[in-house]
Amino acid sequence: MSGIRILAIALIVAGILGLVYGSFSYTRETHEAKVGPIELSVKDKETVNIPVWAGVGAIVIGGVLLVFGSRKR
């Protein structure tokens, strides 16, 4: 399997996942303090929205690479 074909399949899968889920969240530690035996930390939950056009674009580009990228000249 060539590198272009693997990239094309990865783009298609990423585009489908982006359309299905639409966003993903992660937790980030922003502040941490130690005062004697007491430890304090602040965690922020961040959400990243994935635009629909990015998901569709990844699927289209992956499809084009899959069809035309593996042709031999």
PDB file of N, CA and C in Angstrom:
ATOM      1  N   MET A   1       0.846  -1.170   0.000  1.00  0.00           N
ATOM      2  CA  MET A   1       0.000   0.000   0.000  1.00  0.00           C
ATOM      3  C   MET A   1       0.896   1.239   0.000  1.00  0.00           C
ATOM      4  N   SER A   2       0.655   2.127  -0.926  1.00  0.00           N
ATOM      5  CA  SER A   2       1.502   3.313  -1.057  1.00  0.00           C
ATOM      6  C   SER A   2       1.141   4.367  -0.011  1.00  0.00           C
ATOM      7  N   GLY A   3       2.048   5.300   0.162  1.00  0.00           N
ATOM      8  CA  GLY A   3       1.844   6.361   1.137  1.00  0.00           C
ATOM      9  C   GLY A   3       0.670   7.263   0.789  1.00  0.00           C
ATOM     10  N   ILE A   4       0.461   7.504  -0.509  1.00  0.00           N
ATOM     11  CA  ILE A   4      -0.646   8.351  -0.939  1.00  0.00           C
ATOM     12  C   ILE A   4      -1.974   7.685  -0.620  1.00  0.00           C
ATOM     13  N   ARG A   5      -2.048   6.389  -0.814  1.00  0.00           N
ATOM     14  CA  ARG A   5      -3.284   5.656  -0.528  1.00  0.00           C
ATOM     15  C   ARG A   5      -3.596   5.673   0.974  1.00  0.00           C
ATOM     16  N   ILE A   6      -2.575   5.521   1.800  1.00  0.00           N
ATOM     17  CA  ILE A   6      -2.769   5.569   3.255  1.00  0.00           C
ATOM     18  C   ILE A   6      -3.234   6.960   3.667  1.00  0.00           C
ATOM     19  N   LEU A   7      -2.626   8.010   3.105  1.00  0.00           N
ATOM     20  CA  LEU A   7      -3.026   9.382   3.396  1.00  0.00           C
ATOM     21  C   LEU A   7      -4.470   9.629   2.967  1.00  0.00           C
ATOM     22  N   ALA A   8      -4.850   9.123   1.806  1.00  0.00           N
ATOM     23  CA  ALA A   8      -6.215   9.299   1.311  1.00  0.00           C
ATOM     24  C   ALA A   8      -7.226   8.645   2.246  1.00  0.00           C
ATOM     25  N   ILE A   9      -6.950   7.439   2.677  1.00  0.00           N
ATOM     26  CA  ILE A   9      -7.865   6.734   3.580  1.00  0.00           C
ATOM     27  C   ILE A   9      -7.936   7.452   4.926  1.00  0.00           C
ATOM     28  N   ALA A  10      -6.798   7.947   5.417  1.00  0.00           N
ATOM     29  CA  ALA A  10      -6.789   8.676   6.692  1.00  0.00           C
ATOM     30  C   ALA A  10      -7.609   9.968   6.579  1.00  0.00           C
ATOM     31  N   LEU A  11      -7.516  10.676   5.460  1.00  0.00           N
ATOM     32  CA  LEU A  11      -8.309  11.886   5.269  1.00  0.00           C
ATOM     33  C   LEU A  11      -9.799  11.582   5.215  1.00  0.00           C
ATOM     34  N   ILE A  12     -10.170  10.510   4.541  1.00  0.00           N
ATOM     35  CA  ILE A  12     -11.580  10.131   4.456  1.00  0.00           C
ATOM     36  C   ILE A  12     -12.119   9.780   5.842  1.00  0.00           C
ATOM     37  N   VAL A  13     -11.368   9.001   6.604  1.00  0.00           N
ATOM     38  CA  VAL A  13     -11.805   8.617   7.950  1.00  0.00           C
ATOM     39  C   VAL A  13     -11.896   9.846   8.850  1.00  0.00           C
ATOM     40  N   ALA A  14     -10.900  10.727   8.782  1.00  0.00           N
ATOM     41  CA  ALA A  14     -10.925  11.939   9.602  1.00  0.00           C
ATOM     42  C   ALA A  14     -12.106  12.835   9.224  1.00  0.00           C
ATOM     43  N   GLY A  15     -12.407  12.938   7.948  1.00  0.00           N
ATOM     44  CA  GLY A  15     -13.546  13.738   7.508  1.00  0.00           C
ATOM     45  C   GLY A  15     -14.868  13.180   7.994  1.00  0.00           C
ATOM     46  N   ILE A  16     -15.015  11.859   7.934  1.00  0.00           N
ATOM     47  CA  ILE A  16     -16.246  11.223   8.418  1.00  0.00           C
ATOM     48  C   ILE A  16     -16.383  11.424   9.924  1.00  0.00           C
ATOM     49  N   LEU A  17     -15.298  11.240  10.664  1.00  0.00           N
ATOM     50  CA  LEU A  17     -15.348  11.450  12.110  1.00  0.00           C
ATOM     51  C   LEU A  17     -15.669  12.904  12.445  1.00  0.00           C
ATOM     52  N   GLY A  18     -15.122  13.835  11.681  1.00  0.00           N
ATOM     53  CA  GLY A  18     -15.411  15.245  11.901  1.00  0.00           C
ATOM     54  C   GLY A  18     -16.869  15.576  11.670  1.00  0.00           C
ATOM     55  N   LEU A  19     -17.485  14.957  10.663  1.00  0.00           N
ATOM     56  CA  LEU A  19     -18.898  15.188  10.402  1.00  0.00           C
ATOM     57  C   LEU A  19     -19.791  14.522  11.447  1.00  0.00           C
ATOM     58  N   VAL A  20     -19.404  13.335  11.885  1.00  0.00           N
ATOM     59  CA  VAL A  20     -20.236  12.595  12.841  1.00  0.00           C
ATOM     60  C   VAL A  20     -20.211  13.262  14.214  1.00  0.00           C
ATOM     61  N   TYR A  21     -19.034  13.598  14.713  1.00  0.00           N
ATOM     62  CA  TYR A  21     -18.923  14.139  16.067  1.00  0.00           C
ATOM     63  C   TYR A  21     -19.061  15.662  16.107  1.00  0.00           C
ATOM     64  N   GLY A  22     -18.519  16.381  15.159  1.00  0.00           N
ATOM     65  CA  GLY A  22     -18.666  17.824  15.093  1.00  0.00           C
ATOM     66  C   GLY A  22     -17.780  18.614  16.047  1.00  0.00           C
ATOM     67  N   SER A  23     -17.356  18.014  17.131  1.00  0.00           N
ATOM     68  CA  SER A  23     -16.471  18.701  18.074  1.00  0.00           C
ATOM     69  C   SER A  23     -15.841  17.679  18.997  1.00  0.00           C
ATOM     70  N   PHE A  24     -14.786  18.104  19.684  1.00  0.00           N
ATOM     71  CA  PHE A  24     -14.189  17.253  20.703  1.00  0.00           C
ATOM     72  C   PHE A  24     -13.736  18.124  21.864  1.00  0.00           C
ATOM     73  N   SER A  25     -13.681  17.521  23.037  1.00  0.00           N
ATOM     74  CA  SER A  25     -13.322  18.250  24.255  1.00  0.00           C
ATOM     75  C   SER A  25     -12.072  17.642  24.865  1.00  0.00           C
ATOM     76  N   TYR A  26     -11.334  18.488  25.564  1.00  0.00           N
ATOM     77  CA  TYR A  26     -10.167  18.022  26.308  1.00  0.00           C
ATOM     78  C   TYR A  26     -10.021  18.887  27.553  1.00  0.00           C
ATOM     79  N   THR A  27      -9.339  18.343  28.539  1.00  0.00           N
ATOM     80  CA  THR A  27      -9.132  19.047  29.800  1.00  0.00           C
ATOM     81  C   THR A  27      -7.687  19.509  29.877  1.00  0.00           C
ATOM     82  N   ARG A  28      -7.511  20.776  30.265  1.00  0.00           N
ATOM     83  CA  ARG A  28      -6.187  21.364  30.331  1.00  0.00           C
ATOM     84  C   ARG A  28      -5.961  21.922  31.737  1.00  0.00           C
ATOM     85  N   GLU A  29      -4.825  21.572  32.321  1.00  0.00           N
ATOM     86  CA  GLU A  29      -4.468  22.137  33.615  1.00  0.00           C
ATOM     87  C   GLU A  29      -3.843  23.497  33.392  1.00  0.00           C
ATOM     88  N   THR A  30      -4.425  24.517  34.008  1.00  0.00           N
ATOM     89  CA  THR A  30      -3.923  25.861  33.771  1.00  0.00           C
ATOM     90  C   THR A  30      -3.081  26.389  34.927  1.00  0.00           C
ATOM     91  N   HIS A  31      -3.465  26.099  36.161  1.00  0.00           N
ATOM     92  CA  HIS A  31      -2.738  26.613  37.315  1.00  0.00           C
ATOM     93  C   HIS A  31      -2.519  25.491  38.323  1.00  0.00           C
ATOM     94  N   GLU A  32      -1.399  25.539  38.957  1.00  0.00           N
ATOM     95  CA  GLU A  32      -1.113  24.565  39.998  1.00  0.00           C
ATOM     96  C   GLU A  32      -0.335  25.279  41.099  1.00  0.00           C
ATOM     97  N   ALA A  33      -0.717  25.005  42.340  1.00  0.00           N
ATOM     98  CA  ALA A  33      -0.048  25.648  43.469  1.00  0.00           C
ATOM     99  C   ALA A  33       0.132  24.632  44.590  1.00  0.00           C
ATOM    100  N   LYS A  34       1.282  24.700  45.243  1.00  0.00           N
ATOM    101  CA  LYS A  34       1.547  23.862  46.409  1.00  0.00           C
ATOM    102  C   LYS A  34       1.832  24.784  47.587  1.00  0.00           C
ATOM    103  N   VAL A  35       1.004  24.663  48.593  1.00  0.00           N
ATOM    104  CA  VAL A  35       1.185  25.444  49.808  1.00  0.00           C
ATOM    105  C   VAL A  35       1.299  24.452  50.957  1.00  0.00           C
ATOM    106  N   GLY A  36       2.516  24.161  51.327  1.00  0.00           N
ATOM    107  CA  GLY A  36       2.737  23.154  52.371  1.00  0.00           C
ATOM    108  C   GLY A  36       2.218  21.806  51.910  1.00  0.00           C
ATOM    109  N   PRO A  37       1.390  21.160  52.715  1.00  0.00           N
ATOM    110  CA  PRO A  37       0.859  19.856  52.325  1.00  0.00           C
ATOM    111  C   PRO A  37      -0.364  19.949  51.407  1.00  0.00           C
ATOM    112  N   ILE A  38      -0.828  21.170  51.124  1.00  0.00           N
ATOM    113  CA  ILE A  38      -2.034  21.348  50.308  1.00  0.00           C
ATOM    114  C   ILE A  38      -1.630  21.618  48.859  1.00  0.00           C
ATOM    115  N   GLU A  39      -2.261  20.889  47.946  1.00  0.00           N
ATOM    116  CA  GLU A  39      -2.025  21.098  46.519  1.00  0.00           C
ATOM    117  C   GLU A  39      -3.321  21.556  45.861  1.00  0.00           C
ATOM    118  N   LEU A  40      -3.231  22.600  45.077  1.00  0.00           N
ATOM    119  CA  LEU A  40      -4.385  23.128  44.362  1.00  0.00           C
ATOM    120  C   LEU A  40      -4.096  23.115  42.866  1.00  0.00           C
ATOM    121  N   SER A  41      -5.098  22.760  42.086  1.00  0.00           N
ATOM    122  CA  SER A  41      -4.946  22.833  40.639  1.00  0.00           C
ATOM    123  C   SER A  41      -6.280  23.220  40.013  1.00  0.00           C
ATOM    124  N   VAL A  42      -6.198  23.961  38.930  1.00  0.00           N
ATOM    125  CA  VAL A  42      -7.379  24.394  38.195  1.00  0.00           C
ATOM    126  C   VAL A  42      -7.343  23.714  36.835  1.00  0.00           C
ATOM    127  N   LYS A  43      -8.449  23.079  36.490  1.00  0.00           N
ATOM    128  CA  LYS A  43      -8.541  22.400  35.204  1.00  0.00           C
ATOM    129  C   LYS A  43      -9.654  23.043  34.384  1.00  0.00           C
ATOM    130  N   ASP A  44      -9.324  23.422  33.160  1.00  0.00           N
ATOM    131  CA  ASP A  44     -10.297  24.022  32.250  1.00  0.00           C
ATOM    132  C   ASP A  44     -10.674  23.006  31.189  1.00  0.00           C
ATOM    133  N   LYS A  45     -11.965  22.913  30.919  1.00  0.00           N
ATOM    134  CA  LYS A  45     -12.439  22.026  29.862  1.00  0.00           C
ATOM    135  C   LYS A  45     -12.599  22.855  28.589  1.00  0.00           C
ATOM    136  N   GLU A  46     -11.878  22.485  27.566  1.00  0.00           N
ATOM    137  CA  GLU A  46     -11.896  23.194  26.292  1.00  0.00           C
ATOM    138  C   GLU A  46     -12.652  22.359  25.258  1.00  0.00           C
ATOM    139  N   THR A  47     -13.420  23.016  24.403  1.00  0.00           N
ATOM    140  CA  THR A  47     -14.136  22.344  23.329  1.00  0.00           C
ATOM    141  C   THR A  47     -13.697  22.943  22.002  1.00  0.00           C
ATOM    142  N   VAL A  48     -13.361  22.090  21.059  1.00  0.00           N
ATOM    143  CA  VAL A  48     -12.953  22.518  19.725  1.00  0.00           C
ATOM    144  C   VAL A  48     -14.024  22.070  18.742  1.00  0.00           C
ATOM    145  N   ASN A  49     -14.631  23.027  18.045  1.00  0.00           N
ATOM    146  CA  ASN A  49     -15.644  22.712  17.043  1.00  0.00           C
ATOM    147  C   ASN A  49     -14.982  22.490  15.695  1.00  0.00           C
ATOM    148  N   ILE A  50     -15.415  21.452  15.004  1.00  0.00           N
ATOM    149  CA  ILE A  50     -14.883  21.139  13.677  1.00  0.00           C
ATOM    150  C   ILE A  50     -15.906  21.608  12.647  1.00  0.00           C
ATOM    151  N   PRO A  51     -15.533  22.545  11.775  1.00  0.00           N
ATOM    152  CA  PRO A  51     -16.492  23.043  10.781  1.00  0.00           C
ATOM    153  C   PRO A  51     -16.903  21.945   9.800  1.00  0.00           C
ATOM    154  N   VAL A  52     -18.144  22.036   9.331  1.00  0.00           N
ATOM    155  CA  VAL A  52     -18.654  21.051   8.374  1.00  0.00           C
ATOM    156  C   VAL A  52     -17.831  21.078   7.094  1.00  0.00           C
ATOM    157  N   TRP A  53     -17.437  22.288   6.663  1.00  0.00           N
ATOM    158  CA  TRP A  53     -16.673  22.384   5.415  1.00  0.00           C
ATOM    159  C   TRP A  53     -15.340  21.662   5.516  1.00  0.00           C
ATOM    160  N   ALA A  54     -14.751  21.618   6.715  1.00  0.00           N
ATOM    161  CA  ALA A  54     -13.473  20.921   6.881  1.00  0.00           C
ATOM    162  C   ALA A  54     -13.653  19.415   6.747  1.00  0.00           C
ATOM    163  N   GLY A  55     -14.740  18.888   7.305  1.00  0.00           N
ATOM    164  CA  GLY A  55     -15.020  17.459   7.176  1.00  0.00           C
ATOM    165  C   GLY A  55     -15.304  17.060   5.740  1.00  0.00           C
ATOM    166  N   VAL A  56     -16.136  17.846   5.073  1.00  0.00           N
ATOM    167  CA  VAL A  56     -16.458  17.557   3.670  1.00  0.00           C
ATOM    168  C   VAL A  56     -15.220  17.705   2.800  1.00  0.00           C
ATOM    169  N   GLY A  57     -14.429  18.732   3.053  1.00  0.00           N
ATOM    170  CA  GLY A  57     -13.205  18.939   2.277  1.00  0.00           C
ATOM    171  C   GLY A  57     -12.218  17.795   2.437  1.00  0.00           C
ATOM    172  N   ALA A  58     -12.085  17.278   3.658  1.00  0.00           N
ATOM    173  CA  ALA A  58     -11.177  16.147   3.887  1.00  0.00           C
ATOM    174  C   ALA A  58     -11.655  14.907   3.137  1.00  0.00           C
ATOM    175  N   ILE A  59     -12.971  14.684   3.123  1.00  0.00           N
ATOM    176  CA  ILE A  59     -13.506  13.529   2.399  1.00  0.00           C
ATOM    177  C   ILE A  59     -13.270  13.680   0.902  1.00  0.00           C
ATOM    178  N   VAL A  60     -13.511  14.871   0.371  1.00  0.00           N
ATOM    179  CA  VAL A  60     -13.336  15.102  -1.072  1.00  0.00           C
ATOM    180  C   VAL A  60     -11.872  14.963  -1.470  1.00  0.00           C
ATOM    181  N   ILE A  61     -10.985  15.587  -0.715  1.00  0.00           N
ATOM    182  CA  ILE A  61      -9.554  15.497  -1.038  1.00  0.00           C
ATOM    183  C   ILE A  61      -9.064  14.064  -0.909  1.00  0.00           C
ATOM    184  N   GLY A  62      -9.516  13.355   0.125  1.00  0.00           N
ATOM    185  CA  GLY A  62      -9.142  11.949   0.273  1.00  0.00           C
ATOM    186  C   GLY A  62      -9.644  11.102  -0.883  1.00  0.00           C
ATOM    187  N   GLY A  63     -10.869  11.367  -1.333  1.00  0.00           N
ATOM    188  CA  GLY A  63     -11.412  10.637  -2.475  1.00  0.00           C
ATOM    189  C   GLY A  63     -10.648  10.904  -3.754  1.00  0.00           C
ATOM    190  N   VAL A  64     -10.297  12.161  -3.973  1.00  0.00           N
ATOM    191  CA  VAL A  64      -9.524  12.514  -5.171  1.00  0.00           C
ATOM    192  C   VAL A  64      -8.155  11.845  -5.130  1.00  0.00           C
ATOM    193  N   LEU A  65      -7.506  11.880  -3.970  1.00  0.00           N
ATOM    194  CA  LEU A  65      -6.202  11.212  -3.852  1.00  0.00           C
ATOM    195  C   LEU A  65      -6.317   9.713  -4.052  1.00  0.00           C
ATOM    196  N   LEU A  66      -7.386   9.144  -3.542  1.00  0.00           N
ATOM    197  CA  LEU A  66      -7.571   7.695  -3.672  1.00  0.00           C
ATOM    198  C   LEU A  66      -7.775   7.294  -5.130  1.00  0.00           C
ATOM    199  N   VAL A  67      -8.529   8.115  -5.881  1.00  0.00           N
ATOM    200  CA  VAL A  67      -8.814   7.774  -7.284  1.00  0.00           C
ATOM    201  C   VAL A  67      -7.655   8.131  -8.191  1.00  0.00           C
ATOM    202  N   PHE A  68      -7.136   9.358  -8.076  1.00  0.00           N
ATOM    203  CA  PHE A  68      -6.128   9.830  -9.021  1.00  0.00           C
ATOM    204  C   PHE A  68      -4.696   9.721  -8.521  1.00  0.00           C
ATOM    205  N   GLY A  69      -4.496   9.586  -7.235  1.00  0.00           N
ATOM    206  CA  GLY A  69      -3.148   9.570  -6.688  1.00  0.00           C
ATOM    207  C   GLY A  69      -2.396   8.277  -6.916  1.00  0.00           C
ATOM    208  N   SER A  70      -3.105   7.184  -7.081  1.00  0.00           N
ATOM    209  CA  SER A  70      -2.423   5.901  -7.231  1.00  0.00           C
ATOM    210  C   SER A  70      -2.265   5.458  -8.688  1.00  0.00           C
ATOM    211  N   ARG A  71      -2.677   6.306  -9.626  1.00  0.00           N
ATOM    212  CA  ARG A  71      -2.528   5.958 -11.043  1.00  0.00           C
ATOM    213  C   ARG A  71      -1.059   6.073 -11.450  1.00  0.00           C
ATOM    214  N   LYS A  72      -0.621   5.140 -12.225  1.00  0.00           N
ATOM    215  CA  LYS A  72       0.757   5.162 -12.728  1.00  0.00           C
ATOM    216  C   LYS A  72       0.788   5.848 -14.073  1.00  0.00           C
ATOM    217  N   ARG A  73       1.810   6.638 -14.304  1.00  0.00           N
ATOM    218  CA  ARG A  73       1.917   7.396 -15.554  1.00  0.00           C
ATOM    219  C   ARG A  73       2.637   6.625 -16.613  1.00  0.00           C
TER     220      ARG A  73
END
